N, C-alpha and C. Protein backbone atom coordinates (compact mmCIF):
# COMPACT_ATOMS: atom_id res chain seq x y z
N ALA A 1 0.83 -1.19 0.00
CA ALA A 1 0.00 0.00 0.00
C ALA A 1 0.87 1.25 0.00
N GLU A 2 2.02 1.21 0.69
CA GLU A 2 2.87 2.39 0.73
C GLU A 2 3.39 2.76 -0.65
N ALA A 3 3.70 1.74 -1.47
CA ALA A 3 4.19 2.02 -2.82
C ALA A 3 3.12 2.73 -3.63
N GLY A 4 1.87 2.31 -3.48
CA GLY A 4 0.77 2.96 -4.18
C GLY A 4 0.59 4.39 -3.72
N ASN A 5 0.71 4.61 -2.42
CA ASN A 5 0.58 5.97 -1.88
C ASN A 5 1.70 6.86 -2.41
N ALA A 6 2.91 6.30 -2.50
CA ALA A 6 4.03 7.07 -3.01
C ALA A 6 3.81 7.44 -4.47
N GLN A 7 3.23 6.52 -5.25
CA GLN A 7 2.95 6.82 -6.65
C GLN A 7 1.93 7.93 -6.78
N ILE A 8 0.89 7.89 -5.95
CA ILE A 8 -0.12 8.94 -5.99
C ILE A 8 0.50 10.27 -5.59
N ALA A 9 1.33 10.25 -4.54
CA ALA A 9 1.95 11.48 -4.07
C ALA A 9 2.89 12.06 -5.12
N ALA A 10 3.55 11.19 -5.89
CA ALA A 10 4.51 11.63 -6.88
C ALA A 10 3.85 12.05 -8.19
N ALA A 11 2.60 11.65 -8.40
CA ALA A 11 1.91 11.98 -9.64
C ALA A 11 1.67 13.48 -9.72
N PRO A 12 1.91 14.05 -10.89
CA PRO A 12 1.62 15.48 -11.01
C PRO A 12 0.12 15.72 -10.85
N ILE A 13 -0.23 16.83 -10.25
CA ILE A 13 -1.63 17.14 -10.00
C ILE A 13 -2.42 17.09 -11.30
N GLY A 14 -1.85 17.53 -12.40
CA GLY A 14 -2.53 17.50 -13.69
C GLY A 14 -2.89 16.10 -14.14
N ALA A 15 -2.20 15.10 -13.61
CA ALA A 15 -2.48 13.71 -13.99
C ALA A 15 -3.72 13.19 -13.27
N LEU A 16 -4.22 13.92 -12.31
CA LEU A 16 -5.41 13.53 -11.55
C LEU A 16 -6.47 14.61 -11.74
N PRO A 17 -7.00 14.75 -12.96
CA PRO A 17 -7.80 15.93 -13.28
C PRO A 17 -9.04 16.14 -12.43
N GLU A 18 -9.79 15.10 -12.16
CA GLU A 18 -11.05 15.28 -11.45
C GLU A 18 -11.04 14.67 -10.06
N ARG A 19 -9.98 13.99 -9.69
CA ARG A 19 -9.94 13.28 -8.42
C ARG A 19 -8.81 13.79 -7.56
N LEU A 20 -9.03 13.66 -6.27
CA LEU A 20 -7.96 13.88 -5.31
C LEU A 20 -8.10 12.79 -4.27
N TYR A 21 -7.08 12.59 -3.50
CA TYR A 21 -7.06 11.53 -2.50
C TYR A 21 -6.70 12.14 -1.16
N VAL A 22 -7.44 11.72 -0.14
CA VAL A 22 -7.15 12.18 1.22
C VAL A 22 -7.02 10.97 2.13
N PHE A 23 -6.36 11.17 3.24
CA PHE A 23 -6.14 10.10 4.20
C PHE A 23 -7.08 10.24 5.39
N SER A 24 -7.53 9.09 5.89
CA SER A 24 -8.19 9.05 7.20
C SER A 24 -7.07 9.04 8.24
N PRO A 25 -7.39 9.27 9.52
CA PRO A 25 -6.34 9.20 10.55
C PRO A 25 -5.68 7.83 10.64
N GLN A 26 -6.40 6.79 10.18
CA GLN A 26 -5.86 5.43 10.22
C GLN A 26 -4.98 5.13 9.00
N GLY A 27 -4.84 6.10 8.10
CA GLY A 27 -4.00 5.91 6.92
C GLY A 27 -4.73 5.38 5.71
N GLN A 28 -6.03 5.25 5.78
CA GLN A 28 -6.80 4.78 4.62
C GLN A 28 -6.87 5.91 3.60
N LEU A 29 -6.57 5.59 2.35
CA LEU A 29 -6.58 6.57 1.27
C LEU A 29 -7.96 6.55 0.61
N LEU A 30 -8.62 7.69 0.56
CA LEU A 30 -9.99 7.77 0.04
C LEU A 30 -10.05 8.75 -1.12
N PRO A 31 -10.73 8.35 -2.22
CA PRO A 31 -10.85 9.24 -3.38
C PRO A 31 -12.04 10.19 -3.27
N PHE A 32 -11.85 11.40 -3.77
CA PHE A 32 -12.92 12.41 -3.80
C PHE A 32 -12.81 13.21 -5.08
N ASP A 33 -13.93 13.77 -5.50
CA ASP A 33 -13.92 14.71 -6.61
C ASP A 33 -13.32 16.03 -6.13
N ARG A 34 -12.68 16.73 -7.02
CA ARG A 34 -12.18 18.06 -6.68
C ARG A 34 -13.37 18.93 -6.28
N GLY A 35 -13.17 19.75 -5.27
CA GLY A 35 -14.25 20.60 -4.76
C GLY A 35 -14.96 20.00 -3.56
N SER A 36 -14.66 18.73 -3.25
CA SER A 36 -15.29 18.09 -2.09
C SER A 36 -14.81 18.75 -0.80
N THR A 37 -15.66 18.69 0.21
CA THR A 37 -15.37 19.34 1.49
C THR A 37 -15.27 18.31 2.62
N VAL A 38 -14.95 18.79 3.80
CA VAL A 38 -14.89 17.88 4.95
C VAL A 38 -16.26 17.29 5.26
N VAL A 39 -17.33 18.00 4.93
CA VAL A 39 -18.68 17.45 5.09
C VAL A 39 -18.84 16.21 4.20
N ASP A 40 -18.36 16.29 2.97
CA ASP A 40 -18.42 15.15 2.06
C ASP A 40 -17.63 13.97 2.62
N PHE A 41 -16.46 14.27 3.19
CA PHE A 41 -15.65 13.23 3.82
C PHE A 41 -16.45 12.54 4.92
N ALA A 42 -17.09 13.33 5.77
CA ALA A 42 -17.86 12.76 6.89
C ALA A 42 -18.94 11.82 6.39
N TYR A 43 -19.66 12.20 5.36
CA TYR A 43 -20.73 11.35 4.84
C TYR A 43 -20.19 10.18 4.04
N HIS A 44 -19.00 10.30 3.51
CA HIS A 44 -18.37 9.17 2.84
C HIS A 44 -18.01 8.09 3.86
N VAL A 45 -17.55 8.51 5.03
CA VAL A 45 -17.17 7.58 6.09
C VAL A 45 -18.40 6.85 6.62
N HIS A 46 -19.43 7.61 7.05
CA HIS A 46 -20.65 6.98 7.59
C HIS A 46 -21.68 8.07 7.89
N SER A 47 -22.87 7.94 7.32
CA SER A 47 -23.90 8.98 7.49
C SER A 47 -24.27 9.21 8.94
N ASP A 48 -24.46 8.13 9.70
CA ASP A 48 -24.85 8.30 11.10
C ASP A 48 -23.77 9.00 11.90
N LEU A 49 -22.52 8.65 11.65
CA LEU A 49 -21.42 9.30 12.36
C LEU A 49 -21.28 10.76 11.92
N ALA A 50 -21.53 11.02 10.65
CA ALA A 50 -21.45 12.40 10.15
C ALA A 50 -22.41 13.29 10.92
N GLU A 51 -23.60 12.77 11.21
CA GLU A 51 -24.60 13.55 11.92
C GLU A 51 -24.19 13.83 13.37
N GLN A 52 -23.20 13.10 13.87
CA GLN A 52 -22.70 13.31 15.23
C GLN A 52 -21.36 14.03 15.24
N CYS A 53 -20.98 14.58 14.11
CA CYS A 53 -19.67 15.23 14.02
C CYS A 53 -19.70 16.59 14.72
N ARG A 54 -18.79 16.76 15.64
CA ARG A 54 -18.68 18.00 16.39
C ARG A 54 -17.57 18.89 15.84
N ARG A 55 -16.51 18.27 15.33
CA ARG A 55 -15.35 19.04 14.89
C ARG A 55 -14.71 18.36 13.69
N PHE A 56 -14.27 19.19 12.74
CA PHE A 56 -13.55 18.72 11.56
C PHE A 56 -12.10 19.20 11.67
N THR A 57 -11.16 18.30 11.42
CA THR A 57 -9.75 18.66 11.48
C THR A 57 -9.07 18.21 10.20
N VAL A 58 -8.29 19.09 9.60
CA VAL A 58 -7.52 18.77 8.40
C VAL A 58 -6.06 19.10 8.70
N ASN A 59 -5.21 18.10 8.54
CA ASN A 59 -3.78 18.26 8.78
C ASN A 59 -3.49 18.87 10.15
N GLY A 60 -4.27 18.43 11.15
CA GLY A 60 -4.06 18.86 12.52
C GLY A 60 -4.68 20.20 12.89
N ARG A 61 -5.38 20.84 11.95
CA ARG A 61 -6.00 22.14 12.23
C ARG A 61 -7.51 22.04 12.15
N GLN A 62 -8.19 22.62 13.11
CA GLN A 62 -9.66 22.64 13.08
C GLN A 62 -10.11 23.53 11.92
N VAL A 63 -11.11 23.04 11.17
CA VAL A 63 -11.61 23.78 10.01
C VAL A 63 -13.13 23.86 10.06
N GLU A 64 -13.68 24.74 9.27
CA GLU A 64 -15.12 24.90 9.12
C GLU A 64 -15.66 23.79 8.22
N PRO A 65 -16.96 23.51 8.30
CA PRO A 65 -17.55 22.47 7.43
C PRO A 65 -17.36 22.75 5.94
N SER A 66 -17.18 23.99 5.57
CA SER A 66 -17.02 24.34 4.16
C SER A 66 -15.59 24.17 3.65
N ALA A 67 -14.67 23.71 4.50
CA ALA A 67 -13.27 23.56 4.09
C ALA A 67 -13.15 22.56 2.95
N VAL A 68 -12.54 23.00 1.86
CA VAL A 68 -12.36 22.17 0.67
C VAL A 68 -11.16 21.25 0.88
N LEU A 69 -11.33 19.99 0.48
CA LEU A 69 -10.25 19.01 0.60
C LEU A 69 -9.19 19.25 -0.47
N HIS A 70 -7.95 19.00 -0.09
CA HIS A 70 -6.83 19.09 -1.03
C HIS A 70 -6.12 17.74 -1.08
N HIS A 71 -5.45 17.51 -2.19
CA HIS A 71 -4.76 16.25 -2.43
C HIS A 71 -3.83 15.91 -1.25
N LEU A 72 -4.02 14.72 -0.70
CA LEU A 72 -3.22 14.13 0.37
C LEU A 72 -3.42 14.77 1.75
N ASP A 73 -4.51 15.50 1.93
CA ASP A 73 -4.86 15.98 3.26
C ASP A 73 -5.11 14.79 4.19
N ILE A 74 -4.91 15.00 5.48
CA ILE A 74 -5.29 14.03 6.51
C ILE A 74 -6.50 14.62 7.22
N VAL A 75 -7.63 13.92 7.11
CA VAL A 75 -8.89 14.45 7.61
C VAL A 75 -9.35 13.63 8.80
N GLU A 76 -9.71 14.32 9.87
CA GLU A 76 -10.15 13.67 11.10
C GLU A 76 -11.47 14.30 11.54
N LEU A 77 -12.36 13.46 12.06
CA LEU A 77 -13.66 13.90 12.54
C LEU A 77 -13.77 13.60 14.02
N GLU A 78 -14.29 14.54 14.78
CA GLU A 78 -14.55 14.30 16.19
C GLU A 78 -16.05 14.14 16.36
N HIS A 79 -16.45 12.99 16.90
CA HIS A 79 -17.87 12.69 17.06
C HIS A 79 -18.31 12.86 18.51
N ASP A 80 -19.59 13.21 18.65
CA ASP A 80 -20.20 13.34 19.97
C ASP A 80 -21.70 13.13 19.77
N VAL A 81 -22.27 12.17 20.51
CA VAL A 81 -23.70 11.89 20.35
C VAL A 81 -24.55 13.11 20.69
N LYS A 82 -23.99 14.07 21.41
CA LYS A 82 -24.74 15.28 21.76
C LYS A 82 -24.45 16.44 20.81
N ALA A 83 -23.73 16.17 19.73
CA ALA A 83 -23.44 17.22 18.75
C ALA A 83 -24.75 17.73 18.15
N PRO A 84 -24.81 19.00 17.79
CA PRO A 84 -26.06 19.56 17.27
C PRO A 84 -26.51 18.98 15.93
N GLY A 85 -25.61 18.35 15.20
CA GLY A 85 -25.97 17.75 13.92
C GLY A 85 -25.87 18.73 12.77
N PRO A 86 -26.11 18.22 11.56
CA PRO A 86 -26.00 19.05 10.36
C PRO A 86 -26.98 20.22 10.39
N ASN A 87 -26.61 21.27 9.67
CA ASN A 87 -27.49 22.43 9.54
C ASN A 87 -27.43 22.91 8.09
N ARG A 88 -28.10 24.02 7.82
CA ARG A 88 -28.15 24.52 6.44
C ARG A 88 -26.77 24.91 5.92
N LEU A 89 -25.85 25.31 6.79
CA LEU A 89 -24.50 25.62 6.35
C LEU A 89 -23.79 24.37 5.84
N TRP A 90 -24.06 23.24 6.48
CA TRP A 90 -23.49 21.97 6.01
C TRP A 90 -24.04 21.66 4.63
N LEU A 91 -25.33 21.90 4.44
CA LEU A 91 -25.95 21.63 3.15
C LEU A 91 -25.29 22.48 2.06
N LEU A 92 -25.04 23.74 2.36
CA LEU A 92 -24.36 24.61 1.39
C LEU A 92 -22.92 24.16 1.14
N ALA A 93 -22.28 23.59 2.15
CA ALA A 93 -20.89 23.16 2.03
C ALA A 93 -20.74 21.84 1.28
N ALA A 94 -21.78 21.03 1.26
CA ALA A 94 -21.70 19.70 0.65
C ALA A 94 -21.53 19.81 -0.86
N HIS A 95 -20.59 19.05 -1.39
CA HIS A 95 -20.30 19.02 -2.82
C HIS A 95 -20.91 17.79 -3.48
N THR A 96 -20.94 16.68 -2.76
CA THR A 96 -21.42 15.42 -3.34
C THR A 96 -22.93 15.27 -3.13
N SER A 97 -23.55 14.58 -4.07
CA SER A 97 -25.00 14.34 -3.96
C SER A 97 -25.29 13.45 -2.76
N ARG A 98 -24.38 12.55 -2.44
CA ARG A 98 -24.56 11.67 -1.29
C ARG A 98 -24.71 12.49 0.00
N ALA A 99 -23.81 13.42 0.21
CA ALA A 99 -23.86 14.25 1.42
C ALA A 99 -25.08 15.16 1.40
N ARG A 100 -25.35 15.80 0.26
CA ARG A 100 -26.50 16.71 0.17
C ARG A 100 -27.80 15.97 0.48
N SER A 101 -27.98 14.79 -0.11
CA SER A 101 -29.20 14.01 0.12
C SER A 101 -29.35 13.63 1.59
N ALA A 102 -28.27 13.19 2.20
CA ALA A 102 -28.32 12.77 3.61
C ALA A 102 -28.64 13.97 4.51
N ILE A 103 -28.05 15.11 4.22
CA ILE A 103 -28.31 16.31 5.04
C ILE A 103 -29.76 16.76 4.86
N GLU A 104 -30.26 16.73 3.63
CA GLU A 104 -31.66 17.11 3.38
C GLU A 104 -32.61 16.20 4.15
N ARG A 105 -32.33 14.89 4.15
CA ARG A 105 -33.16 13.95 4.91
C ARG A 105 -33.11 14.27 6.40
N TYR A 106 -31.92 14.54 6.91
CA TYR A 106 -31.76 14.87 8.33
C TYR A 106 -32.56 16.13 8.68
N LEU A 107 -32.43 17.17 7.87
CA LEU A 107 -33.13 18.42 8.14
C LEU A 107 -34.65 18.23 8.10
N LYS A 108 -35.13 17.41 7.18
CA LYS A 108 -36.57 17.13 7.13
C LYS A 108 -37.02 16.42 8.40
N ARG A 109 -36.22 15.44 8.84
CA ARG A 109 -36.56 14.72 10.08
C ARG A 109 -36.60 15.66 11.28
N GLN A 110 -35.75 16.67 11.24
CA GLN A 110 -35.67 17.62 12.36
C GLN A 110 -36.71 18.74 12.22
N GLY A 111 -37.42 18.75 11.11
CA GLY A 111 -38.44 19.77 10.89
C GLY A 111 -37.88 21.10 10.41
N ALA A 112 -36.62 21.09 9.95
CA ALA A 112 -36.00 22.33 9.51
C ALA A 112 -36.20 22.56 8.02
N GLY A 113 -36.75 21.57 7.33
CA GLY A 113 -36.90 21.70 5.88
C GLY A 113 -35.57 21.64 5.19
N ALA A 114 -35.59 21.59 3.86
CA ALA A 114 -34.36 21.51 3.10
C ALA A 114 -34.28 22.55 2.08
């Protein structure tokens, strides 16, 4: 796996026109479309856990839900069952249809509309 990661890291950005790769804290390499945000990462990992996300961290720095992912970022999510859950700002930050759909469903369940 390390050899594959080294190849991706060494590839010129132009060679990866529509995709970028980010790492989970456990070292798992995950593909995303360019323009994806930490909200998209959260929903890629697990919808239920995304709804419990209290804090987003990229490369050791706390970021806003609208933070755009960059090639080879390390993305970490802090979960808390008492977290307030997704809101309309998350919906605006979501780039992928998967994340947008999940957030819209959550907001409807909460009576906030979408």
